[in-house]
mmCIF file of all heavy atoms, coordinates in Angstrom:
data_MODEL
# 
_entry.id   MODEL 
# 
loop_
_atom_site.group_PDB 
_atom_site.id 
_atom_site.type_symbol 
_atom_site.label_atom_id 
_atom_site.label_alt_id 
_atom_site.label_comp_id 
_atom_site.label_asym_id 
_atom_site.label_entity_id 
_atom_site.label_seq_id 
_atom_site.pdbx_PDB_ins_code 
_atom_site.Cartn_x 
_atom_site.Cartn_y 
_atom_site.Cartn_z 
_atom_site.occupancy 
_atom_site.B_iso_or_equiv 
_atom_site.pdbx_formal_charge 
_atom_site.auth_seq_id 
_atom_site.auth_comp_id 
_atom_site.auth_asym_id 
_atom_site.auth_atom_id 
_atom_site.pdbx_PDB_model_num 
ATOM 1   N N   . PHE A 1 1  ? 21.865 -11.032 5.580  1.00 0.00 ? 1  PHE A N   1 
ATOM 2   C CA  . PHE A 1 1  ? 20.874 -10.094 6.115  1.00 0.00 ? 1  PHE A CA  1 
ATOM 3   C C   . PHE A 1 1  ? 21.492 -8.851  6.727  1.00 0.00 ? 1  PHE A C   1 
ATOM 4   O O   . PHE A 1 1  ? 20.880 -7.798  6.731  1.00 0.00 ? 1  PHE A O   1 
ATOM 5   C CB  . PHE A 1 1  ? 19.961 -10.789 7.129  1.00 0.00 ? 1  PHE A CB  1 
ATOM 6   C CG  . PHE A 1 1  ? 20.638 -11.133 8.429  1.00 0.00 ? 1  PHE A CG  1 
ATOM 7   C CD1 . PHE A 1 1  ? 20.674 -10.221 9.465  1.00 0.00 ? 1  PHE A CD1 1 
ATOM 8   C CD2 . PHE A 1 1  ? 21.239 -12.367 8.604  1.00 0.00 ? 1  PHE A CD2 1 
ATOM 9   C CE1 . PHE A 1 1  ? 21.306 -10.528 10.657 1.00 0.00 ? 1  PHE A CE1 1 
ATOM 10  C CE2 . PHE A 1 1  ? 21.866 -12.687 9.805  1.00 0.00 ? 1  PHE A CE2 1 
ATOM 11  C CZ  . PHE A 1 1  ? 21.899 -11.765 10.833 1.00 0.00 ? 1  PHE A CZ  1 
ATOM 12  N N   . TRP A 1 2  ? 22.701 -8.934  7.238  1.00 0.00 ? 2  TRP A N   1 
ATOM 13  C CA  . TRP A 1 2  ? 23.332 -7.779  7.878  1.00 0.00 ? 2  TRP A CA  1 
ATOM 14  C C   . TRP A 1 2  ? 23.652 -6.682  6.861  1.00 0.00 ? 2  TRP A C   1 
ATOM 15  O O   . TRP A 1 2  ? 23.871 -5.544  7.232  1.00 0.00 ? 2  TRP A O   1 
ATOM 16  C CB  . TRP A 1 2  ? 24.598 -8.184  8.638  1.00 0.00 ? 2  TRP A CB  1 
ATOM 17  C CG  . TRP A 1 2  ? 25.599 -8.890  7.774  1.00 0.00 ? 2  TRP A CG  1 
ATOM 18  C CD1 . TRP A 1 2  ? 26.588 -8.316  7.019  1.00 0.00 ? 2  TRP A CD1 1 
ATOM 19  C CD2 . TRP A 1 2  ? 25.686 -10.288 7.541  1.00 0.00 ? 2  TRP A CD2 1 
ATOM 20  N NE1 . TRP A 1 2  ? 27.281 -9.275  6.326  1.00 0.00 ? 2  TRP A NE1 1 
ATOM 21  C CE2 . TRP A 1 2  ? 26.752 -10.511 6.634  1.00 0.00 ? 2  TRP A CE2 1 
ATOM 22  C CE3 . TRP A 1 2  ? 24.977 -11.398 8.009  1.00 0.00 ? 2  TRP A CE3 1 
ATOM 23  C CZ2 . TRP A 1 2  ? 27.108 -11.776 6.191  1.00 0.00 ? 2  TRP A CZ2 1 
ATOM 24  C CZ3 . TRP A 1 2  ? 25.341 -12.644 7.561  1.00 0.00 ? 2  TRP A CZ3 1 
ATOM 25  C CH2 . TRP A 1 2  ? 26.401 -12.823 6.660  1.00 0.00 ? 2  TRP A CH2 1 
ATOM 26  N N   . SER A 1 3  ? 23.673 -7.037  5.587  1.00 0.00 ? 3  SER A N   1 
ATOM 27  C CA  . SER A 1 3  ? 23.894 -6.038  4.541  1.00 0.00 ? 3  SER A CA  1 
ATOM 28  C C   . SER A 1 3  ? 23.040 -6.370  3.317  1.00 0.00 ? 3  SER A C   1 
ATOM 29  O O   . SER A 1 3  ? 23.443 -6.139  2.185  1.00 0.00 ? 3  SER A O   1 
ATOM 30  C CB  . SER A 1 3  ? 25.374 -5.987  4.162  1.00 0.00 ? 3  SER A CB  1 
ATOM 31  O OG  . SER A 1 3  ? 25.786 -7.231  3.622  1.00 0.00 ? 3  SER A OG  1 
ATOM 32  N N   . ALA A 1 4  ? 21.847 -6.901  3.569  1.00 0.00 ? 4  ALA A N   1 
ATOM 33  C CA  . ALA A 1 4  ? 20.977 -7.366  2.483  1.00 0.00 ? 4  ALA A CA  1 
ATOM 34  C C   . ALA A 1 4  ? 20.483 -6.223  1.605  1.00 0.00 ? 4  ALA A C   1 
ATOM 35  O O   . ALA A 1 4  ? 20.385 -5.078  2.041  1.00 0.00 ? 4  ALA A O   1 
ATOM 36  C CB  . ALA A 1 4  ? 19.784 -8.125  3.058  1.00 0.00 ? 4  ALA A CB  1 
ATOM 37  N N   . CYS A 1 5  ? 20.148 -6.580  0.389  1.00 0.00 ? 5  CYS A N   1 
ATOM 38  C CA  . CYS A 1 5  ? 19.587 -5.624  -0.562 1.00 0.00 ? 5  CYS A CA  1 
ATOM 39  C C   . CYS A 1 5  ? 18.082 -5.795  -0.723 1.00 0.00 ? 5  CYS A C   1 
ATOM 40  O O   . CYS A 1 5  ? 17.448 -5.016  -1.422 1.00 0.00 ? 5  CYS A O   1 
ATOM 41  C CB  . CYS A 1 5  ? 20.244 -5.807  -1.935 1.00 0.00 ? 5  CYS A CB  1 
ATOM 42  S SG  . CYS A 1 5  ? 21.989 -5.409  -1.948 1.00 0.00 ? 5  CYS A SG  1 
ATOM 43  N N   . ALA A 1 6  ? 17.505 -6.849  -0.111 1.00 0.00 ? 6  ALA A N   1 
ATOM 44  C CA  . ALA A 1 6  ? 16.084 -7.112  -0.306 1.00 0.00 ? 6  ALA A CA  1 
ATOM 45  C C   . ALA A 1 6  ? 15.465 -7.709  0.952  1.00 0.00 ? 6  ALA A C   1 
ATOM 46  O O   . ALA A 1 6  ? 16.118 -8.415  1.712  1.00 0.00 ? 6  ALA A O   1 
ATOM 47  C CB  . ALA A 1 6  ? 15.891 -8.060  -1.484 1.00 0.00 ? 6  ALA A CB  1 
ATOM 48  N N   . ALA A 1 7  ? 14.169 -7.401  1.114  1.00 0.00 ? 7  ALA A N   1 
ATOM 49  C CA  . ALA A 1 7  ? 13.362 -7.992  2.177  1.00 0.00 ? 7  ALA A CA  1 
ATOM 50  C C   . ALA A 1 7  ? 11.984 -8.275  1.607  1.00 0.00 ? 7  ALA A C   1 
ATOM 51  O O   . ALA A 1 7  ? 11.477 -7.512  0.775  1.00 0.00 ? 7  ALA A O   1 
ATOM 52  C CB  . ALA A 1 7  ? 13.259 -7.058  3.372  1.00 0.00 ? 7  ALA A CB  1 
ATOM 53  N N   . THR A 1 8  ? 11.374 -9.380  2.051  1.00 0.00 ? 8  THR A N   1 
ATOM 54  C CA  . THR A 1 8  ? 10.062 -9.775  1.552  1.00 0.00 ? 8  THR A CA  1 
ATOM 55  C C   . THR A 1 8  ? 9.081  -9.885  2.705  1.00 0.00 ? 8  THR A C   1 
ATOM 56  O O   . THR A 1 8  ? 9.366  -10.543 3.713  1.00 0.00 ? 8  THR A O   1 
ATOM 57  C CB  . THR A 1 8  ? 10.144 -11.124 0.804  1.00 0.00 ? 8  THR A CB  1 
ATOM 58  O OG1 . THR A 1 8  ? 11.040 -10.984 -0.294 1.00 0.00 ? 8  THR A OG1 1 
ATOM 59  C CG2 . THR A 1 8  ? 8.781  -11.562 0.288  1.00 0.00 ? 8  THR A CG2 1 
ATOM 60  N N   . LEU A 1 9  ? 7.928  -9.247  2.530  1.00 0.00 ? 9  LEU A N   1 
ATOM 61  C CA  . LEU A 1 9  ? 6.818  -9.350  3.467  1.00 0.00 ? 9  LEU A CA  1 
ATOM 62  C C   . LEU A 1 9  ? 5.817  -10.322 2.872  1.00 0.00 ? 9  LEU A C   1 
ATOM 63  O O   . LEU A 1 9  ? 5.320  -10.116 1.751  1.00 0.00 ? 9  LEU A O   1 
ATOM 64  C CB  . LEU A 1 9  ? 6.154  -7.987  3.691  1.00 0.00 ? 9  LEU A CB  1 
ATOM 65  C CG  . LEU A 1 9  ? 4.839  -7.984  4.470  1.00 0.00 ? 9  LEU A CG  1 
ATOM 66  C CD1 . LEU A 1 9  ? 5.043  -8.489  5.895  1.00 0.00 ? 9  LEU A CD1 1 
ATOM 67  C CD2 . LEU A 1 9  ? 4.224  -6.595  4.470  1.00 0.00 ? 9  LEU A CD2 1 
ATOM 68  N N   . ALA A 1 10 ? 5.546  -11.402 3.582  1.00 0.00 ? 10 ALA A N   1 
ATOM 69  C CA  . ALA A 1 10 ? 4.567  -12.398 3.144  1.00 0.00 ? 10 ALA A CA  1 
ATOM 70  C C   . ALA A 1 10 ? 3.447  -12.425 4.178  1.00 0.00 ? 10 ALA A C   1 
ATOM 71  O O   . ALA A 1 10 ? 3.584  -13.033 5.236  1.00 0.00 ? 10 ALA A O   1 
ATOM 72  C CB  . ALA A 1 10 ? 5.220  -13.767 3.003  1.00 0.00 ? 10 ALA A CB  1 
ATOM 73  N N   . ARG A 1 11 ? 2.345  -11.727 3.873  1.00 0.00 ? 11 ARG A N   1 
ATOM 74  C CA  . ARG A 1 11 ? 1.179  -11.706 4.765  1.00 0.00 ? 11 ARG A CA  1 
ATOM 75  C C   . ARG A 1 11 ? 0.298  -12.911 4.467  1.00 0.00 ? 11 ARG A C   1 
ATOM 76  O O   . ARG A 1 11 ? 0.151  -13.306 3.304  1.00 0.00 ? 11 ARG A O   1 
ATOM 77  C CB  . ARG A 1 11 ? 0.372  -10.435 4.556  1.00 0.00 ? 11 ARG A CB  1 
ATOM 78  C CG  . ARG A 1 11 ? 1.053  -9.210  5.069  1.00 0.00 ? 11 ARG A CG  1 
ATOM 79  C CD  . ARG A 1 11 ? 0.100  -8.029  5.015  1.00 0.00 ? 11 ARG A CD  1 
ATOM 80  N NE  . ARG A 1 11 ? 0.743  -6.855  5.541  1.00 0.00 ? 11 ARG A NE  1 
ATOM 81  C CZ  . ARG A 1 11 ? 0.742  -5.679  4.936  1.00 0.00 ? 11 ARG A CZ  1 
ATOM 82  N NH1 . ARG A 1 11 ? 0.109  -5.517  3.797  1.00 0.00 ? 11 ARG A NH1 1 
ATOM 83  N NH2 . ARG A 1 11 ? 1.356  -4.663  5.486  1.00 0.00 ? 11 ARG A NH2 1 
ATOM 84  N N   . THR A 1 12 ? -0.305 -13.428 5.504  1.00 0.00 ? 12 THR A N   1 
ATOM 85  C CA  . THR A 1 12 ? -1.217 -14.550 5.343  1.00 0.00 ? 12 THR A CA  1 
ATOM 86  C C   . THR A 1 12 ? -2.339 -14.153 4.383  1.00 0.00 ? 12 THR A C   1 
ATOM 87  O O   . THR A 1 12 ? -2.984 -13.130 4.559  1.00 0.00 ? 12 THR A O   1 
ATOM 88  C CB  . THR A 1 12 ? -1.802 -14.954 6.711  1.00 0.00 ? 12 THR A CB  1 
ATOM 89  O OG1 . THR A 1 12 ? -0.718 -15.213 7.607  1.00 0.00 ? 12 THR A OG1 1 
ATOM 90  C CG2 . THR A 1 12 ? -2.681 -16.183 6.598  1.00 0.00 ? 12 THR A CG2 1 
ATOM 91  N N   . GLY A 1 13 ? -2.525 -14.962 3.337  1.00 0.00 ? 13 GLY A N   1 
ATOM 92  C CA  . GLY A 1 13 ? -3.598 -14.726 2.382  1.00 0.00 ? 13 GLY A CA  1 
ATOM 93  C C   . GLY A 1 13 ? -3.314 -13.659 1.344  1.00 0.00 ? 13 GLY A C   1 
ATOM 94  O O   . GLY A 1 13 ? -4.205 -13.289 0.579  1.00 0.00 ? 13 GLY A O   1 
ATOM 95  N N   . ALA A 1 14 ? -2.103 -13.128 1.271  1.00 0.00 ? 14 ALA A N   1 
ATOM 96  C CA  . ALA A 1 14 ? -1.770 -12.081 0.305  1.00 0.00 ? 14 ALA A CA  1 
ATOM 97  C C   . ALA A 1 14 ? -0.504 -12.469 -0.451 1.00 0.00 ? 14 ALA A C   1 
ATOM 98  O O   . ALA A 1 14 ? 0.300  -13.269 0.023  1.00 0.00 ? 14 ALA A O   1 
ATOM 99  C CB  . ALA A 1 14 ? -1.558 -10.744 1.014  1.00 0.00 ? 14 ALA A CB  1 
ATOM 100 N N   . ALA A 1 15 ? -0.345 -11.883 -1.614 1.00 0.00 ? 15 ALA A N   1 
ATOM 101 C CA  . ALA A 1 15 ? 0.869  -12.129 -2.396 1.00 0.00 ? 15 ALA A CA  1 
ATOM 102 C C   . ALA A 1 15 ? 2.066  -11.483 -1.699 1.00 0.00 ? 15 ALA A C   1 
ATOM 103 O O   . ALA A 1 15 ? 1.946  -10.381 -1.147 1.00 0.00 ? 15 ALA A O   1 
ATOM 104 C CB  . ALA A 1 15 ? 0.704  -11.542 -3.798 1.00 0.00 ? 15 ALA A CB  1 
ATOM 105 N N   . PRO A 1 16 ? 3.223  -12.147 -1.698 1.00 0.00 ? 16 PRO A N   1 
ATOM 106 C CA  . PRO A 1 16 ? 4.419  -11.557 -1.089 1.00 0.00 ? 16 PRO A CA  1 
ATOM 107 C C   . PRO A 1 16 ? 4.824  -10.259 -1.777 1.00 0.00 ? 16 PRO A C   1 
ATOM 108 O O   . PRO A 1 16 ? 4.638  -10.107 -2.985 1.00 0.00 ? 16 PRO A O   1 
ATOM 109 C CB  . PRO A 1 16 ? 5.502  -12.626 -1.296 1.00 0.00 ? 16 PRO A CB  1 
ATOM 110 C CG  . PRO A 1 16 ? 4.772  -13.878 -1.613 1.00 0.00 ? 16 PRO A CG  1 
ATOM 111 C CD  . PRO A 1 16 ? 3.476  -13.478 -2.243 1.00 0.00 ? 16 PRO A CD  1 
ATOM 112 N N   . VAL A 1 17 ? 5.370  -9.341  -0.995 1.00 0.00 ? 17 VAL A N   1 
ATOM 113 C CA  . VAL A 1 17 ? 5.857  -8.065  -1.505 1.00 0.00 ? 17 VAL A CA  1 
ATOM 114 C C   . VAL A 1 17 ? 7.339  -7.973  -1.158 1.00 0.00 ? 17 VAL A C   1 
ATOM 115 O O   . VAL A 1 17 ? 7.710  -8.108  0.011  1.00 0.00 ? 17 VAL A O   1 
ATOM 116 C CB  . VAL A 1 17 ? 5.091  -6.879  -0.872 1.00 0.00 ? 17 VAL A CB  1 
ATOM 117 C CG1 . VAL A 1 17 ? 5.667  -5.564  -1.345 1.00 0.00 ? 17 VAL A CG1 1 
ATOM 118 C CG2 . VAL A 1 17 ? 3.607  -6.981  -1.173 1.00 0.00 ? 17 VAL A CG2 1 
ATOM 119 N N   . THR A 1 18 ? 8.174  -7.746  -2.160 1.00 0.00 ? 18 THR A N   1 
ATOM 120 C CA  . THR A 1 18 ? 9.616  -7.634  -1.937 1.00 0.00 ? 18 THR A CA  1 
ATOM 121 C C   . THR A 1 18 ? 10.048 -6.198  -2.177 1.00 0.00 ? 18 THR A C   1 
ATOM 122 O O   . THR A 1 18 ? 9.683  -5.592  -3.183 1.00 0.00 ? 18 THR A O   1 
ATOM 123 C CB  . THR A 1 18 ? 10.399 -8.583  -2.866 1.00 0.00 ? 18 THR A CB  1 
ATOM 124 O OG1 . THR A 1 18 ? 10.013 -9.924  -2.566 1.00 0.00 ? 18 THR A OG1 1 
ATOM 125 C CG2 . THR A 1 18 ? 11.903 -8.433  -2.667 1.00 0.00 ? 18 THR A CG2 1 
ATOM 126 N N   . MET A 1 19 ? 10.812 -5.665  -1.244 1.00 0.00 ? 19 MET A N   1 
ATOM 127 C CA  . MET A 1 19 ? 11.417 -4.340  -1.393 1.00 0.00 ? 19 MET A CA  1 
ATOM 128 C C   . MET A 1 19 ? 12.905 -4.540  -1.622 1.00 0.00 ? 19 MET A C   1 
ATOM 129 O O   . MET A 1 19 ? 13.532 -5.360  -0.946 1.00 0.00 ? 19 MET A O   1 
ATOM 130 C CB  . MET A 1 19 ? 11.202 -3.504  -0.129 1.00 0.00 ? 19 MET A CB  1 
ATOM 131 C CG  . MET A 1 19 ? 9.766  -3.135  0.119  1.00 0.00 ? 19 MET A CG  1 
ATOM 132 S SD  . MET A 1 19 ? 9.587  -2.083  1.567  1.00 0.00 ? 19 MET A SD  1 
ATOM 133 C CE  . MET A 1 19 ? 10.568 -0.669  1.096  1.00 0.00 ? 19 MET A CE  1 
ATOM 134 N N   . GLU A 1 20 ? 13.445 -3.795  -2.555 1.00 0.00 ? 20 GLU A N   1 
ATOM 135 C CA  . GLU A 1 20 ? 14.874 -3.873  -2.834 1.00 0.00 ? 20 GLU A CA  1 
ATOM 136 C C   . GLU A 1 20 ? 15.506 -2.504  -2.681 1.00 0.00 ? 20 GLU A C   1 
ATOM 137 O O   . GLU A 1 20 ? 14.942 -1.498  -3.105 1.00 0.00 ? 20 GLU A O   1 
ATOM 138 C CB  . GLU A 1 20 ? 15.114 -4.414  -4.241 1.00 0.00 ? 20 GLU A CB  1 
ATOM 139 C CG  . GLU A 1 20 ? 14.661 -5.844  -4.381 1.00 0.00 ? 20 GLU A CG  1 
ATOM 140 C CD  . GLU A 1 20 ? 15.035 -6.453  -5.720 1.00 0.00 ? 20 GLU A CD  1 
ATOM 141 O OE1 . GLU A 1 20 ? 16.018 -5.989  -6.340 1.00 0.00 ? 20 GLU A OE1 1 
ATOM 142 O OE2 . GLU A 1 20 ? 14.344 -7.390  -6.125 1.00 0.00 ? 20 GLU A OE2 1 
ATOM 143 N N   . ARG A 1 21 ? 16.652 -2.468  -2.035 1.00 0.00 ? 21 ARG A N   1 
ATOM 144 C CA  . ARG A 1 21 ? 17.441 -1.255  -1.864 1.00 0.00 ? 21 ARG A CA  1 
ATOM 145 C C   . ARG A 1 21 ? 18.895 -1.638  -2.098 1.00 0.00 ? 21 ARG A C   1 
ATOM 146 O O   . ARG A 1 21 ? 19.515 -2.277  -1.254 1.00 0.00 ? 21 ARG A O   1 
ATOM 147 C CB  . ARG A 1 21 ? 17.301 -0.681  -0.442 1.00 0.00 ? 21 ARG A CB  1 
ATOM 148 C CG  . ARG A 1 21 ? 15.919 -0.254  -0.052 1.00 0.00 ? 21 ARG A CG  1 
ATOM 149 C CD  . ARG A 1 21 ? 15.542 1.036   -0.802 1.00 0.00 ? 21 ARG A CD  1 
ATOM 150 N NE  . ARG A 1 21 ? 14.277 1.568   -0.350 1.00 0.00 ? 21 ARG A NE  1 
ATOM 151 C CZ  . ARG A 1 21 ? 13.091 1.266   -0.871 1.00 0.00 ? 21 ARG A CZ  1 
ATOM 152 N NH1 . ARG A 1 21 ? 13.018 0.393   -1.849 1.00 0.00 ? 21 ARG A NH1 1 
ATOM 153 N NH2 . ARG A 1 21 ? 11.992 1.807   -0.426 1.00 0.00 ? 21 ARG A NH2 1 
ATOM 154 N N   . PRO A 1 22 ? 19.434 -1.309  -3.260 1.00 0.00 ? 22 PRO A N   1 
ATOM 155 C CA  . PRO A 1 22 ? 20.815 -1.711  -3.555 1.00 0.00 ? 22 PRO A CA  1 
ATOM 156 C C   . PRO A 1 22 ? 21.815 -1.003  -2.647 1.00 0.00 ? 22 PRO A C   1 
ATOM 157 O O   . PRO A 1 22 ? 21.548 0.068   -2.117 1.00 0.00 ? 22 PRO A O   1 
ATOM 158 C CB  . PRO A 1 22 ? 21.002 -1.296  -5.016 1.00 0.00 ? 22 PRO A CB  1 
ATOM 159 C CG  . PRO A 1 22 ? 19.986 -0.231  -5.248 1.00 0.00 ? 22 PRO A CG  1 
ATOM 160 C CD  . PRO A 1 22 ? 18.834 -0.516  -4.321 1.00 0.00 ? 22 PRO A CD  1 
ATOM 161 N N   . TRP A 1 23 ? 22.944 -1.646  -2.474 1.00 0.00 ? 23 TRP A N   1 
ATOM 162 C CA  . TRP A 1 23 ? 24.021 -1.028  -1.711 1.00 0.00 ? 23 TRP A CA  1 
ATOM 163 C C   . TRP A 1 23 ? 24.447 0.248   -2.410 1.00 0.00 ? 23 TRP A C   1 
ATOM 164 O O   . TRP A 1 23 ? 24.510 0.319   -3.630 1.00 0.00 ? 23 TRP A O   1 
ATOM 165 C CB  . TRP A 1 23 ? 25.250 -1.918  -1.655 1.00 0.00 ? 23 TRP A CB  1 
ATOM 166 C CG  . TRP A 1 23 ? 25.100 -3.192  -0.927 1.00 0.00 ? 23 TRP A CG  1 
ATOM 167 C CD1 . TRP A 1 23 ? 24.092 -3.578  -0.093 1.00 0.00 ? 23 TRP A CD1 1 
ATOM 168 C CD2 . TRP A 1 23 ? 26.019 -4.280  -0.970 1.00 0.00 ? 23 TRP A CD2 1 
ATOM 169 N NE1 . TRP A 1 23 ? 24.322 -4.823  0.384  1.00 0.00 ? 23 TRP A NE1 1 
ATOM 170 C CE2 . TRP A 1 23 ? 25.511 -5.282  -0.135 1.00 0.00 ? 23 TRP A CE2 1 
ATOM 171 C CE3 . TRP A 1 23 ? 27.211 -4.487  -1.616 1.00 0.00 ? 23 TRP A CE3 1 
ATOM 172 C CZ2 . TRP A 1 23 ? 26.167 -6.483  0.065  1.00 0.00 ? 23 TRP A CZ2 1 
ATOM 173 C CZ3 . TRP A 1 23 ? 27.866 -5.684  -1.418 1.00 0.00 ? 23 TRP A CZ3 1 
ATOM 174 C CH2 . TRP A 1 23 ? 27.342 -6.664  -0.585 1.00 0.00 ? 23 TRP A CH2 1 
ATOM 175 N N   . ARG A 1 24 ? 24.795 1.241   -1.616 1.00 0.00 ? 24 ARG A N   1 
ATOM 176 C CA  . ARG A 1 24 ? 25.434 2.433   -2.178 1.00 0.00 ? 24 ARG A CA  1 
ATOM 177 C C   . ARG A 1 24 ? 26.939 2.252   -2.165 1.00 0.00 ? 24 ARG A C   1 
ATOM 178 O O   . ARG A 1 24 ? 27.649 2.786   -2.998 1.00 0.00 ? 24 ARG A O   1 
ATOM 179 C CB  . ARG A 1 24 ? 25.046 3.678   -1.374 1.00 0.00 ? 24 ARG A CB  1 
ATOM 180 C CG  . ARG A 1 24 ? 23.601 4.087   -1.616 1.00 0.00 ? 24 ARG A CG  1 
ATOM 181 C CD  . ARG A 1 24 ? 23.214 5.311   -0.817 1.00 0.00 ? 24 ARG A CD  1 
ATOM 182 N NE  . ARG A 1 24 ? 23.164 4.974   0.598  1.00 0.00 ? 24 ARG A NE  1 
ATOM 183 C CZ  . ARG A 1 24 ? 23.835 5.622   1.555  1.00 0.00 ? 24 ARG A CZ  1 
ATOM 184 N NH1 . ARG A 1 24 ? 24.589 6.653   1.283  1.00 0.00 ? 24 ARG A NH1 1 
ATOM 185 N NH2 . ARG A 1 24 ? 23.738 5.242   2.808  1.00 0.00 ? 24 ARG A NH2 1 
ATOM 186 N N   . ILE A 1 25 ? 27.436 1.492   -1.174 1.00 0.00 ? 25 ILE A N   1 
ATOM 187 C CA  . ILE A 1 25 ? 28.881 1.278   -1.052 1.00 0.00 ? 25 ILE A CA  1 
ATOM 188 C C   . ILE A 1 25 ? 29.148 -0.216  -0.862 1.00 0.00 ? 25 ILE A C   1 
ATOM 189 O O   . ILE A 1 25 ? 29.587 -0.889  -1.767 1.00 0.00 ? 25 ILE A O   1 
ATOM 190 C CB  . ILE A 1 25 ? 29.481 2.078   0.134  1.00 0.00 ? 25 ILE A CB  1 
ATOM 191 C CG1 . ILE A 1 25 ? 29.179 3.572   -0.023 1.00 0.00 ? 25 ILE A CG1 1 
ATOM 192 C CG2 . ILE A 1 25 ? 30.982 1.837   0.254  1.00 0.00 ? 25 ILE A CG2 1 
ATOM 193 C CD1 . ILE A 1 25 ? 29.469 4.402   1.208  1.00 0.00 ? 25 ILE A CD1 1 
ATOM 194 N N   . ASN A 1 26 ? 28.876 -0.731  0.338  1.00 0.00 ? 26 ASN A N   1 
ATOM 195 C CA  . ASN A 1 26 ? 29.187 -2.130  0.639  1.00 0.00 ? 26 ASN A CA  1 
ATOM 196 C C   . ASN A 1 26 ? 28.164 -2.789  1.564  1.00 0.00 ? 26 ASN A C   1 
ATOM 197 O O   . ASN A 1 26 ? 28.386 -3.881  2.052  1.00 0.00 ? 26 ASN A O   1 
ATOM 198 C CB  . ASN A 1 26 ? 30.583 -2.242  1.261  1.00 0.00 ? 26 ASN A CB  1 
ATOM 199 C CG  . ASN A 1 26 ? 30.679 -1.512  2.584  1.00 0.00 ? 26 ASN A CG  1 
ATOM 200 O OD1 . ASN A 1 26 ? 29.704 -0.954  3.088  1.00 0.00 ? 26 ASN A OD1 1 
ATOM 201 N ND2 . ASN A 1 26 ? 31.867 -1.497  3.147  1.00 0.00 ? 26 ASN A ND2 1 
ATOM 202 N N   . GLY A 1 27 ? 27.053 -2.134  1.831  1.00 0.00 ? 27 GLY A N   1 
ATOM 203 C CA  . GLY A 1 27 ? 26.043 -2.678  2.729  1.00 0.00 ? 27 GLY A CA  1 
ATOM 204 C C   . GLY A 1 27 ? 26.220 -2.232  4.166  1.00 0.00 ? 27 GLY A C   1 
ATOM 205 O O   . GLY A 1 27 ? 25.321 -2.393  4.989  1.00 0.00 ? 27 GLY A O   1 
# 
């Protein structure tokens, strides 16, 4: 998580949404 490329928001009653941001260098 300290240098993660993705995060997921899971709202109650809704489909999860994942955002991805690739490393530019090393995180």
